[in-house]
Amino acid sequence: MKELVEVIAKSLVDYPDEVSVTESENEKAVVLELRVAQSDMGKVIGKQGRIAKAIRSVVKAAASKENKKVIVDILQ
């Protein structure tokens, strides 16, 4: 899952070197924290959060194949 989010984010931003994804797991779900450059936040979130919602949908579909719950957080 981590690699999937990383590939999607790097293809969207101007500064792909500053994209980082950290993965942590708790008893309920896998949490992926996506960090991008400040100037790229708008590109990752999109108008009215459409791109962020699309990223979460793709990750959720991939996670459902493995019977896992994945949460994607976009942080500064």
PDB file of N, CA and C in Angstrom:
ATOM      1  N   MET A   1       0.823  -1.203   0.000  1.00  0.00           N
ATOM      2  CA  MET A   1       0.000   0.000   0.000  1.00  0.00           C
ATOM      3  C   MET A   1       0.862   1.261   0.000  1.00  0.00           C
ATOM      4  N   LYS A   2       1.925   1.208   0.784  1.00  0.00           N
ATOM      5  CA  LYS A   2       2.805   2.366   0.897  1.00  0.00           C
ATOM      6  C   LYS A   2       3.363   2.765  -0.470  1.00  0.00           C
ATOM      7  N   GLU A   3       3.797   1.780  -1.238  1.00  0.00           N
ATOM      8  CA  GLU A   3       4.379   2.062  -2.547  1.00  0.00           C
ATOM      9  C   GLU A   3       3.339   2.634  -3.495  1.00  0.00           C
ATOM     10  N   LEU A   4       2.114   2.155  -3.403  1.00  0.00           N
ATOM     11  CA  LEU A   4       1.028   2.646  -4.255  1.00  0.00           C
ATOM     12  C   LEU A   4       0.775   4.128  -4.014  1.00  0.00           C
ATOM     13  N   VAL A   5       0.665   4.530  -2.762  1.00  0.00           N
ATOM     14  CA  VAL A   5       0.428   5.935  -2.426  1.00  0.00           C
ATOM     15  C   VAL A   5       1.611   6.789  -2.881  1.00  0.00           C
ATOM     16  N   GLU A   6       2.815   6.269  -2.698  1.00  0.00           N
ATOM     17  CA  GLU A   6       4.024   7.004  -3.083  1.00  0.00           C
ATOM     18  C   GLU A   6       4.069   7.246  -4.590  1.00  0.00           C
ATOM     19  N   VAL A   7       3.767   6.236  -5.378  1.00  0.00           N
ATOM     20  CA  VAL A   7       3.791   6.369  -6.837  1.00  0.00           C
ATOM     21  C   VAL A   7       2.736   7.369  -7.312  1.00  0.00           C
ATOM     22  N   ILE A   8       1.541   7.281  -6.757  1.00  0.00           N
ATOM     23  CA  ILE A   8       0.472   8.204  -7.145  1.00  0.00           C
ATOM     24  C   ILE A   8       0.850   9.637  -6.798  1.00  0.00           C
ATOM     25  N   ALA A   9       1.339   9.852  -5.576  1.00  0.00           N
ATOM     26  CA  ALA A   9       1.683  11.207  -5.126  1.00  0.00           C
ATOM     27  C   ALA A   9       2.827  11.787  -5.949  1.00  0.00           C
ATOM     28  N   LYS A  10       3.851  10.987  -6.223  1.00  0.00           N
ATOM     29  CA  LYS A  10       5.002  11.492  -6.985  1.00  0.00           C
ATOM     30  C   LYS A  10       4.612  11.891  -8.402  1.00  0.00           C
ATOM     31  N   SER A  11       3.611  11.234  -8.968  1.00  0.00           N
ATOM     32  CA  SER A  11       3.184  11.586 -10.316  1.00  0.00           C
ATOM     33  C   SER A  11       2.368  12.880 -10.345  1.00  0.00           C
ATOM     34  N   LEU A  12       1.866  13.318  -9.200  1.00  0.00           N
ATOM     35  CA  LEU A  12       1.032  14.516  -9.140  1.00  0.00           C
ATOM     36  C   LEU A  12       1.798  15.801  -8.841  1.00  0.00           C
ATOM     37  N   VAL A  13       2.916  15.705  -8.122  1.00  0.00           N
ATOM     38  CA  VAL A  13       3.568  16.887  -7.564  1.00  0.00           C
ATOM     39  C   VAL A  13       4.710  17.423  -8.427  1.00  0.00           C
ATOM     40  N   ASP A  14       5.127  18.651  -8.114  1.00  0.00           N
ATOM     41  CA  ASP A  14       6.272  19.274  -8.792  1.00  0.00           C
ATOM     42  C   ASP A  14       7.594  18.837  -8.175  1.00  0.00           C
ATOM     43  N   TYR A  15       7.588  18.502  -6.889  1.00  0.00           N
ATOM     44  CA  TYR A  15       8.807  18.111  -6.175  1.00  0.00           C
ATOM     45  C   TYR A  15       8.680  16.676  -5.671  1.00  0.00           C
ATOM     46  N   PRO A  16       8.858  15.681  -6.554  1.00  0.00           N
ATOM     47  CA  PRO A  16       8.677  14.283  -6.136  1.00  0.00           C
ATOM     48  C   PRO A  16       9.699  13.806  -5.105  1.00  0.00           C
ATOM     49  N   ASP A  17      10.846  14.500  -4.997  1.00  0.00           N
ATOM     50  CA  ASP A  17      11.852  14.107  -4.008  1.00  0.00           C
ATOM     51  C   ASP A  17      11.378  14.356  -2.581  1.00  0.00           C
ATOM     52  N   GLU A  18      10.427  15.272  -2.413  1.00  0.00           N
ATOM     53  CA  GLU A  18       9.954  15.624  -1.074  1.00  0.00           C
ATOM     54  C   GLU A  18       8.739  14.808  -0.637  1.00  0.00           C
ATOM     55  N   VAL A  19       8.317  13.866  -1.454  1.00  0.00           N
ATOM     56  CA  VAL A  19       7.187  12.998  -1.095  1.00  0.00           C
ATOM     57  C   VAL A  19       7.694  11.900  -0.166  1.00  0.00           C
ATOM     58  N   SER A  20       7.027  11.747   0.975  1.00  0.00           N
ATOM     59  CA  SER A  20       7.368  10.642   1.869  1.00  0.00           C
ATOM     60  C   SER A  20       6.088  10.030   2.423  1.00  0.00           C
ATOM     61  N   VAL A  21       6.102   8.727   2.549  1.00  0.00           N
ATOM     62  CA  VAL A  21       4.955   7.993   3.078  1.00  0.00           C
ATOM     63  C   VAL A  21       5.451   7.137   4.231  1.00  0.00           C
ATOM     64  N   THR A  22       4.834   7.310   5.392  1.00  0.00           N
ATOM     65  CA  THR A  22       5.176   6.467   6.536  1.00  0.00           C
ATOM     66  C   THR A  22       3.985   5.565   6.843  1.00  0.00           C
ATOM     67  N   GLU A  23       4.291   4.347   7.199  1.00  0.00           N
ATOM     68  CA  GLU A  23       3.255   3.353   7.442  1.00  0.00           C
ATOM     69  C   GLU A  23       3.313   2.915   8.901  1.00  0.00           C
ATOM     70  N   SER A  24       2.170   2.950   9.554  1.00  0.00           N
ATOM     71  CA  SER A  24       2.086   2.435  10.919  1.00  0.00           C
ATOM     72  C   SER A  24       0.818   1.592  11.015  1.00  0.00           C
ATOM     73  N   GLU A  25       0.850   0.656  11.924  1.00  0.00           N
ATOM     74  CA  GLU A  25      -0.280  -0.261  12.035  1.00  0.00           C
ATOM     75  C   GLU A  25      -0.762  -0.298  13.472  1.00  0.00           C
ATOM     76  N   ASN A  26      -2.066  -0.150  13.650  1.00  0.00           N
ATOM     77  CA  ASN A  26      -2.643  -0.333  14.975  1.00  0.00           C
ATOM     78  C   ASN A  26      -3.611  -1.512  14.901  1.00  0.00           C
ATOM     79  N   GLU A  27      -4.352  -1.753  15.975  1.00  0.00           N
ATOM     80  CA  GLU A  27      -5.202  -2.936  16.007  1.00  0.00           C
ATOM     81  C   GLU A  27      -6.375  -2.852  15.034  1.00  0.00           C
ATOM     82  N   LYS A  28      -6.740  -1.646  14.603  1.00  0.00           N
ATOM     83  CA  LYS A  28      -7.898  -1.498  13.724  1.00  0.00           C
ATOM     84  C   LYS A  28      -7.543  -1.381  12.249  1.00  0.00           C
ATOM     85  N   ALA A  29      -6.425  -0.695  11.943  1.00  0.00           N
ATOM     86  CA  ALA A  29      -6.143  -0.403  10.537  1.00  0.00           C
ATOM     87  C   ALA A  29      -4.672  -0.088  10.317  1.00  0.00           C
ATOM     88  N   VAL A  30      -4.314  -0.027   9.050  1.00  0.00           N
ATOM     89  CA  VAL A  30      -2.991   0.440   8.640  1.00  0.00           C
ATOM     90  C   VAL A  30      -3.135   1.930   8.328  1.00  0.00           C
ATOM     91  N   VAL A  31      -2.272   2.755   8.907  1.00  0.00           N
ATOM     92  CA  VAL A  31      -2.331   4.195   8.695  1.00  0.00           C
ATOM     93  C   VAL A  31      -1.145   4.614   7.831  1.00  0.00           C
ATOM     94  N   LEU A  32      -1.440   5.240   6.696  1.00  0.00           N
ATOM     95  CA  LEU A  32      -0.411   5.766   5.807  1.00  0.00           C
ATOM     96  C   LEU A  32      -0.427   7.278   5.907  1.00  0.00           C
ATOM     97  N   GLU A  33       0.712   7.860   6.271  1.00  0.00           N
ATOM     98  CA  GLU A  33       0.821   9.314   6.380  1.00  0.00           C
ATOM     99  C   GLU A  33       1.626   9.822   5.190  1.00  0.00           C
ATOM    100  N   LEU A  34       0.978  10.626   4.367  1.00  0.00           N
ATOM    101  CA  LEU A  34       1.594  11.181   3.164  1.00  0.00           C
ATOM    102  C   LEU A  34       2.030  12.611   3.441  1.00  0.00           C
ATOM    103  N   ARG A  35       3.308  12.879   3.195  1.00  0.00           N
ATOM    104  CA  ARG A  35       3.843  14.233   3.363  1.00  0.00           C
ATOM    105  C   ARG A  35       4.399  14.703   2.031  1.00  0.00           C
ATOM    106  N   VAL A  36       4.027  15.932   1.649  1.00  0.00           N
ATOM    107  CA  VAL A  36       4.533  16.536   0.419  1.00  0.00           C
ATOM    108  C   VAL A  36       5.002  17.951   0.727  1.00  0.00           C
ATOM    109  N   ALA A  37       5.675  18.571  -0.248  1.00  0.00           N
ATOM    110  CA  ALA A  37       6.123  19.956  -0.079  1.00  0.00           C
ATOM    111  C   ALA A  37       4.900  20.862   0.086  1.00  0.00           C
ATOM    112  N   GLN A  38       5.083  21.945   0.797  1.00  0.00           N
ATOM    113  CA  GLN A  38       3.990  22.879   1.067  1.00  0.00           C
ATOM    114  C   GLN A  38       3.337  23.362  -0.232  1.00  0.00           C
ATOM    115  N   SER A  39       4.159  23.637  -1.242  1.00  0.00           N
ATOM    116  CA  SER A  39       3.621  24.151  -2.503  1.00  0.00           C
ATOM    117  C   SER A  39       2.856  23.092  -3.287  1.00  0.00           C
ATOM    118  N   ASP A  40       3.016  21.825  -2.940  1.00  0.00           N
ATOM    119  CA  ASP A  40       2.331  20.740  -3.643  1.00  0.00           C
ATOM    120  C   ASP A  40       1.058  20.270  -2.944  1.00  0.00           C
ATOM    121  N   MET A  41       0.728  20.844  -1.810  1.00  0.00           N
ATOM    122  CA  MET A  41      -0.446  20.390  -1.061  1.00  0.00           C
ATOM    123  C   MET A  41      -1.723  20.493  -1.899  1.00  0.00           C
ATOM    124  N   GLY A  42      -1.872  21.576  -2.620  1.00  0.00           N
ATOM    125  CA  GLY A  42      -3.073  21.769  -3.436  1.00  0.00           C
ATOM    126  C   GLY A  42      -3.205  20.728  -4.526  1.00  0.00           C
ATOM    127  N   LYS A  43      -2.088  20.317  -5.079  1.00  0.00           N
ATOM    128  CA  LYS A  43      -2.115  19.316  -6.150  1.00  0.00           C
ATOM    129  C   LYS A  43      -2.530  17.951  -5.623  1.00  0.00           C
ATOM    130  N   VAL A  44      -2.140  17.640  -4.405  1.00  0.00           N
ATOM    131  CA  VAL A  44      -2.472  16.337  -3.821  1.00  0.00           C
ATOM    132  C   VAL A  44      -3.907  16.315  -3.309  1.00  0.00           C
ATOM    133  N   ILE A  45      -4.376  17.445  -2.790  1.00  0.00           N
ATOM    134  CA  ILE A  45      -5.734  17.499  -2.250  1.00  0.00           C
ATOM    135  C   ILE A  45      -6.757  17.730  -3.369  1.00  0.00           C
ATOM    136  N   GLY A  46      -6.470  18.641  -4.279  1.00  0.00           N
ATOM    137  CA  GLY A  46      -7.369  18.911  -5.393  1.00  0.00           C
ATOM    138  C   GLY A  46      -8.531  19.799  -4.991  1.00  0.00           C
ATOM    139  N   LYS A  47      -9.282  20.230  -5.996  1.00  0.00           N
ATOM    140  CA  LYS A  47     -10.444  21.083  -5.734  1.00  0.00           C
ATOM    141  C   LYS A  47     -11.488  20.287  -4.973  1.00  0.00           C
ATOM    142  N   GLN A  48     -11.913  20.848  -3.860  1.00  0.00           N
ATOM    143  CA  GLN A  48     -12.910  20.243  -2.975  1.00  0.00           C
ATOM    144  C   GLN A  48     -12.505  18.836  -2.527  1.00  0.00           C
ATOM    145  N   GLY A  49     -11.184  18.575  -2.503  1.00  0.00           N
ATOM    146  CA  GLY A  49     -10.684  17.301  -2.002  1.00  0.00           C
ATOM    147  C   GLY A  49     -10.888  16.128  -2.942  1.00  0.00           C
ATOM    148  N   ARG A  50     -11.133  16.403  -4.211  1.00  0.00           N
ATOM    149  CA  ARG A  50     -11.438  15.316  -5.153  1.00  0.00           C
ATOM    150  C   ARG A  50     -10.261  14.376  -5.367  1.00  0.00           C
ATOM    151  N   ILE A  51      -9.056  14.913  -5.490  1.00  0.00           N
ATOM    152  CA  ILE A  51      -7.888  14.058  -5.733  1.00  0.00           C
ATOM    153  C   ILE A  51      -7.573  13.234  -4.496  1.00  0.00           C
ATOM    154  N   ALA A  52      -7.658  13.858  -3.323  1.00  0.00           N
ATOM    155  CA  ALA A  52      -7.429  13.121  -2.075  1.00  0.00           C
ATOM    156  C   ALA A  52      -8.442  11.990  -1.938  1.00  0.00           C
ATOM    157  N   LYS A  53      -9.686  12.254  -2.278  1.00  0.00           N
ATOM    158  CA  LYS A  53     -10.730  11.234  -2.205  1.00  0.00           C
ATOM    159  C   LYS A  53     -10.448  10.102  -3.193  1.00  0.00           C
ATOM    160  N   ALA A  54      -9.947  10.450  -4.382  1.00  0.00           N
ATOM    161  CA  ALA A  54      -9.625   9.435  -5.392  1.00  0.00           C
ATOM    162  C   ALA A  54      -8.467   8.560  -4.927  1.00  0.00           C
ATOM    163  N   ILE A  55      -7.446   9.176  -4.320  1.00  0.00           N
ATOM    164  CA  ILE A  55      -6.315   8.400  -3.794  1.00  0.00           C
ATOM    165  C   ILE A  55      -6.810   7.422  -2.741  1.00  0.00           C
ATOM    166  N   ARG A  56      -7.649   7.916  -1.843  1.00  0.00           N
ATOM    167  CA  ARG A  56      -8.177   7.044  -0.786  1.00  0.00           C
ATOM    168  C   ARG A  56      -9.023   5.908  -1.360  1.00  0.00           C
ATOM    169  N   SER A  57      -9.777   6.186  -2.423  1.00  0.00           N
ATOM    170  CA  SER A  57     -10.603   5.154  -3.047  1.00  0.00           C
ATOM    171  C   SER A  57      -9.751   4.049  -3.670  1.00  0.00           C
ATOM    172  N   VAL A  58      -8.687   4.449  -4.356  1.00  0.00           N
ATOM    173  CA  VAL A  58      -7.799   3.467  -4.987  1.00  0.00           C
ATOM    174  C   VAL A  58      -7.124   2.600  -3.928  1.00  0.00           C
ATOM    175  N   VAL A  59      -6.656   3.228  -2.863  1.00  0.00           N
ATOM    176  CA  VAL A  59      -5.988   2.480  -1.796  1.00  0.00           C
ATOM    177  C   VAL A  59      -6.982   1.555  -1.089  1.00  0.00           C
ATOM    178  N   LYS A  60      -8.197   2.032  -0.893  1.00  0.00           N
ATOM    179  CA  LYS A  60      -9.217   1.204  -0.246  1.00  0.00           C
ATOM    180  C   LYS A  60      -9.543  -0.018  -1.096  1.00  0.00           C
ATOM    181  N   ALA A  61      -9.607   0.171  -2.414  1.00  0.00           N
ATOM    182  CA  ALA A  61      -9.880  -0.956  -3.308  1.00  0.00           C
ATOM    183  C   ALA A  61      -8.738  -1.969  -3.264  1.00  0.00           C
ATOM    184  N   ALA A  62      -7.507  -1.490  -3.258  1.00  0.00           N
ATOM    185  CA  ALA A  62      -6.357  -2.388  -3.193  1.00  0.00           C
ATOM    186  C   ALA A  62      -6.306  -3.108  -1.846  1.00  0.00           C
ATOM    187  N   ALA A  63      -6.673  -2.408  -0.776  1.00  0.00           N
ATOM    188  CA  ALA A  63      -6.635  -3.004   0.559  1.00  0.00           C
ATOM    189  C   ALA A  63      -7.738  -4.040   0.743  1.00  0.00           C
ATOM    190  N   SER A  64      -8.856  -3.862   0.069  1.00  0.00           N
ATOM    191  CA  SER A  64      -9.959  -4.811   0.236  1.00  0.00           C
ATOM    192  C   SER A  64      -9.598  -6.185  -0.314  1.00  0.00           C
ATOM    193  N   LYS A  65      -8.676  -6.230  -1.276  1.00  0.00           N
ATOM    194  CA  LYS A  65      -8.219  -7.526  -1.788  1.00  0.00           C
ATOM    195  C   LYS A  65      -7.481  -8.307  -0.697  1.00  0.00           C
ATOM    196  N   GLU A  66      -6.846  -7.588   0.210  1.00  0.00           N
ATOM    197  CA  GLU A  66      -6.088  -8.217   1.290  1.00  0.00           C
ATOM    198  C   GLU A  66      -6.865  -8.240   2.603  1.00  0.00           C
ATOM    199  N   ASN A  67      -8.131  -7.869   2.562  1.00  0.00           N
ATOM    200  CA  ASN A  67      -8.991  -7.816   3.756  1.00  0.00           C
ATOM    201  C   ASN A  67      -8.396  -6.947   4.856  1.00  0.00           C
ATOM    202  N   LYS A  68      -7.885  -5.785   4.470  1.00  0.00           N
ATOM    203  CA  LYS A  68      -7.332  -4.838   5.432  1.00  0.00           C
ATOM    204  C   LYS A  68      -8.076  -3.524   5.338  1.00  0.00           C
ATOM    205  N   LYS A  69      -7.991  -2.733   6.402  1.00  0.00           N
ATOM    206  CA  LYS A  69      -8.531  -1.380   6.381  1.00  0.00           C
ATOM    207  C   LYS A  69      -7.335  -0.435   6.371  1.00  0.00           C
ATOM    208  N   VAL A  70      -7.338   0.506   5.441  1.00  0.00           N
ATOM    209  CA  VAL A  70      -6.220   1.435   5.297  1.00  0.00           C
ATOM    210  C   VAL A  70      -6.752   2.861   5.389  1.00  0.00           C
ATOM    211  N   ILE A  71      -6.058   3.676   6.179  1.00  0.00           N
ATOM    212  CA  ILE A  71      -6.394   5.086   6.327  1.00  0.00           C
ATOM    213  C   ILE A  71      -5.247   5.902   5.741  1.00  0.00           C
ATOM    214  N   VAL A  72      -5.578   6.836   4.847  1.00  0.00           N
ATOM    215  CA  VAL A  72      -4.557   7.697   4.249  1.00  0.00           C
ATOM    216  C   VAL A  72      -4.720   9.096   4.813  1.00  0.00           C
ATOM    217  N   ASP A  73      -3.695   9.573   5.520  1.00  0.00           N
ATOM    218  CA  ASP A  73      -3.670  10.933   6.069  1.00  0.00           C
ATOM    219  C   ASP A  73      -2.689  11.764   5.266  1.00  0.00           C
ATOM    220  N   ILE A  74      -3.125  12.957   4.871  1.00  0.00           N
ATOM    221  CA  ILE A  74      -2.250  13.867   4.143  1.00  0.00           C
ATOM    222  C   ILE A  74      -1.804  14.957   5.116  1.00  0.00           C
ATOM    223  N   LEU A  75      -0.503  15.011   5.369  1.00  0.00           N
ATOM    224  CA  LEU A  75       0.039  15.937   6.362  1.00  0.00           C
ATOM    225  C   LEU A  75       0.981  16.944   5.710  1.00  0.00           C
ATOM    226  N   GLN A  76       1.184  18.059   6.423  1.00  0.00           N
ATOM    227  CA  GLN A  76       2.123  19.071   5.925  1.00  0.00           C
ATOM    228  C   GLN A  76       3.506  18.776   6.391  1.00  0.00           C
TER     229      GLN A  76
END
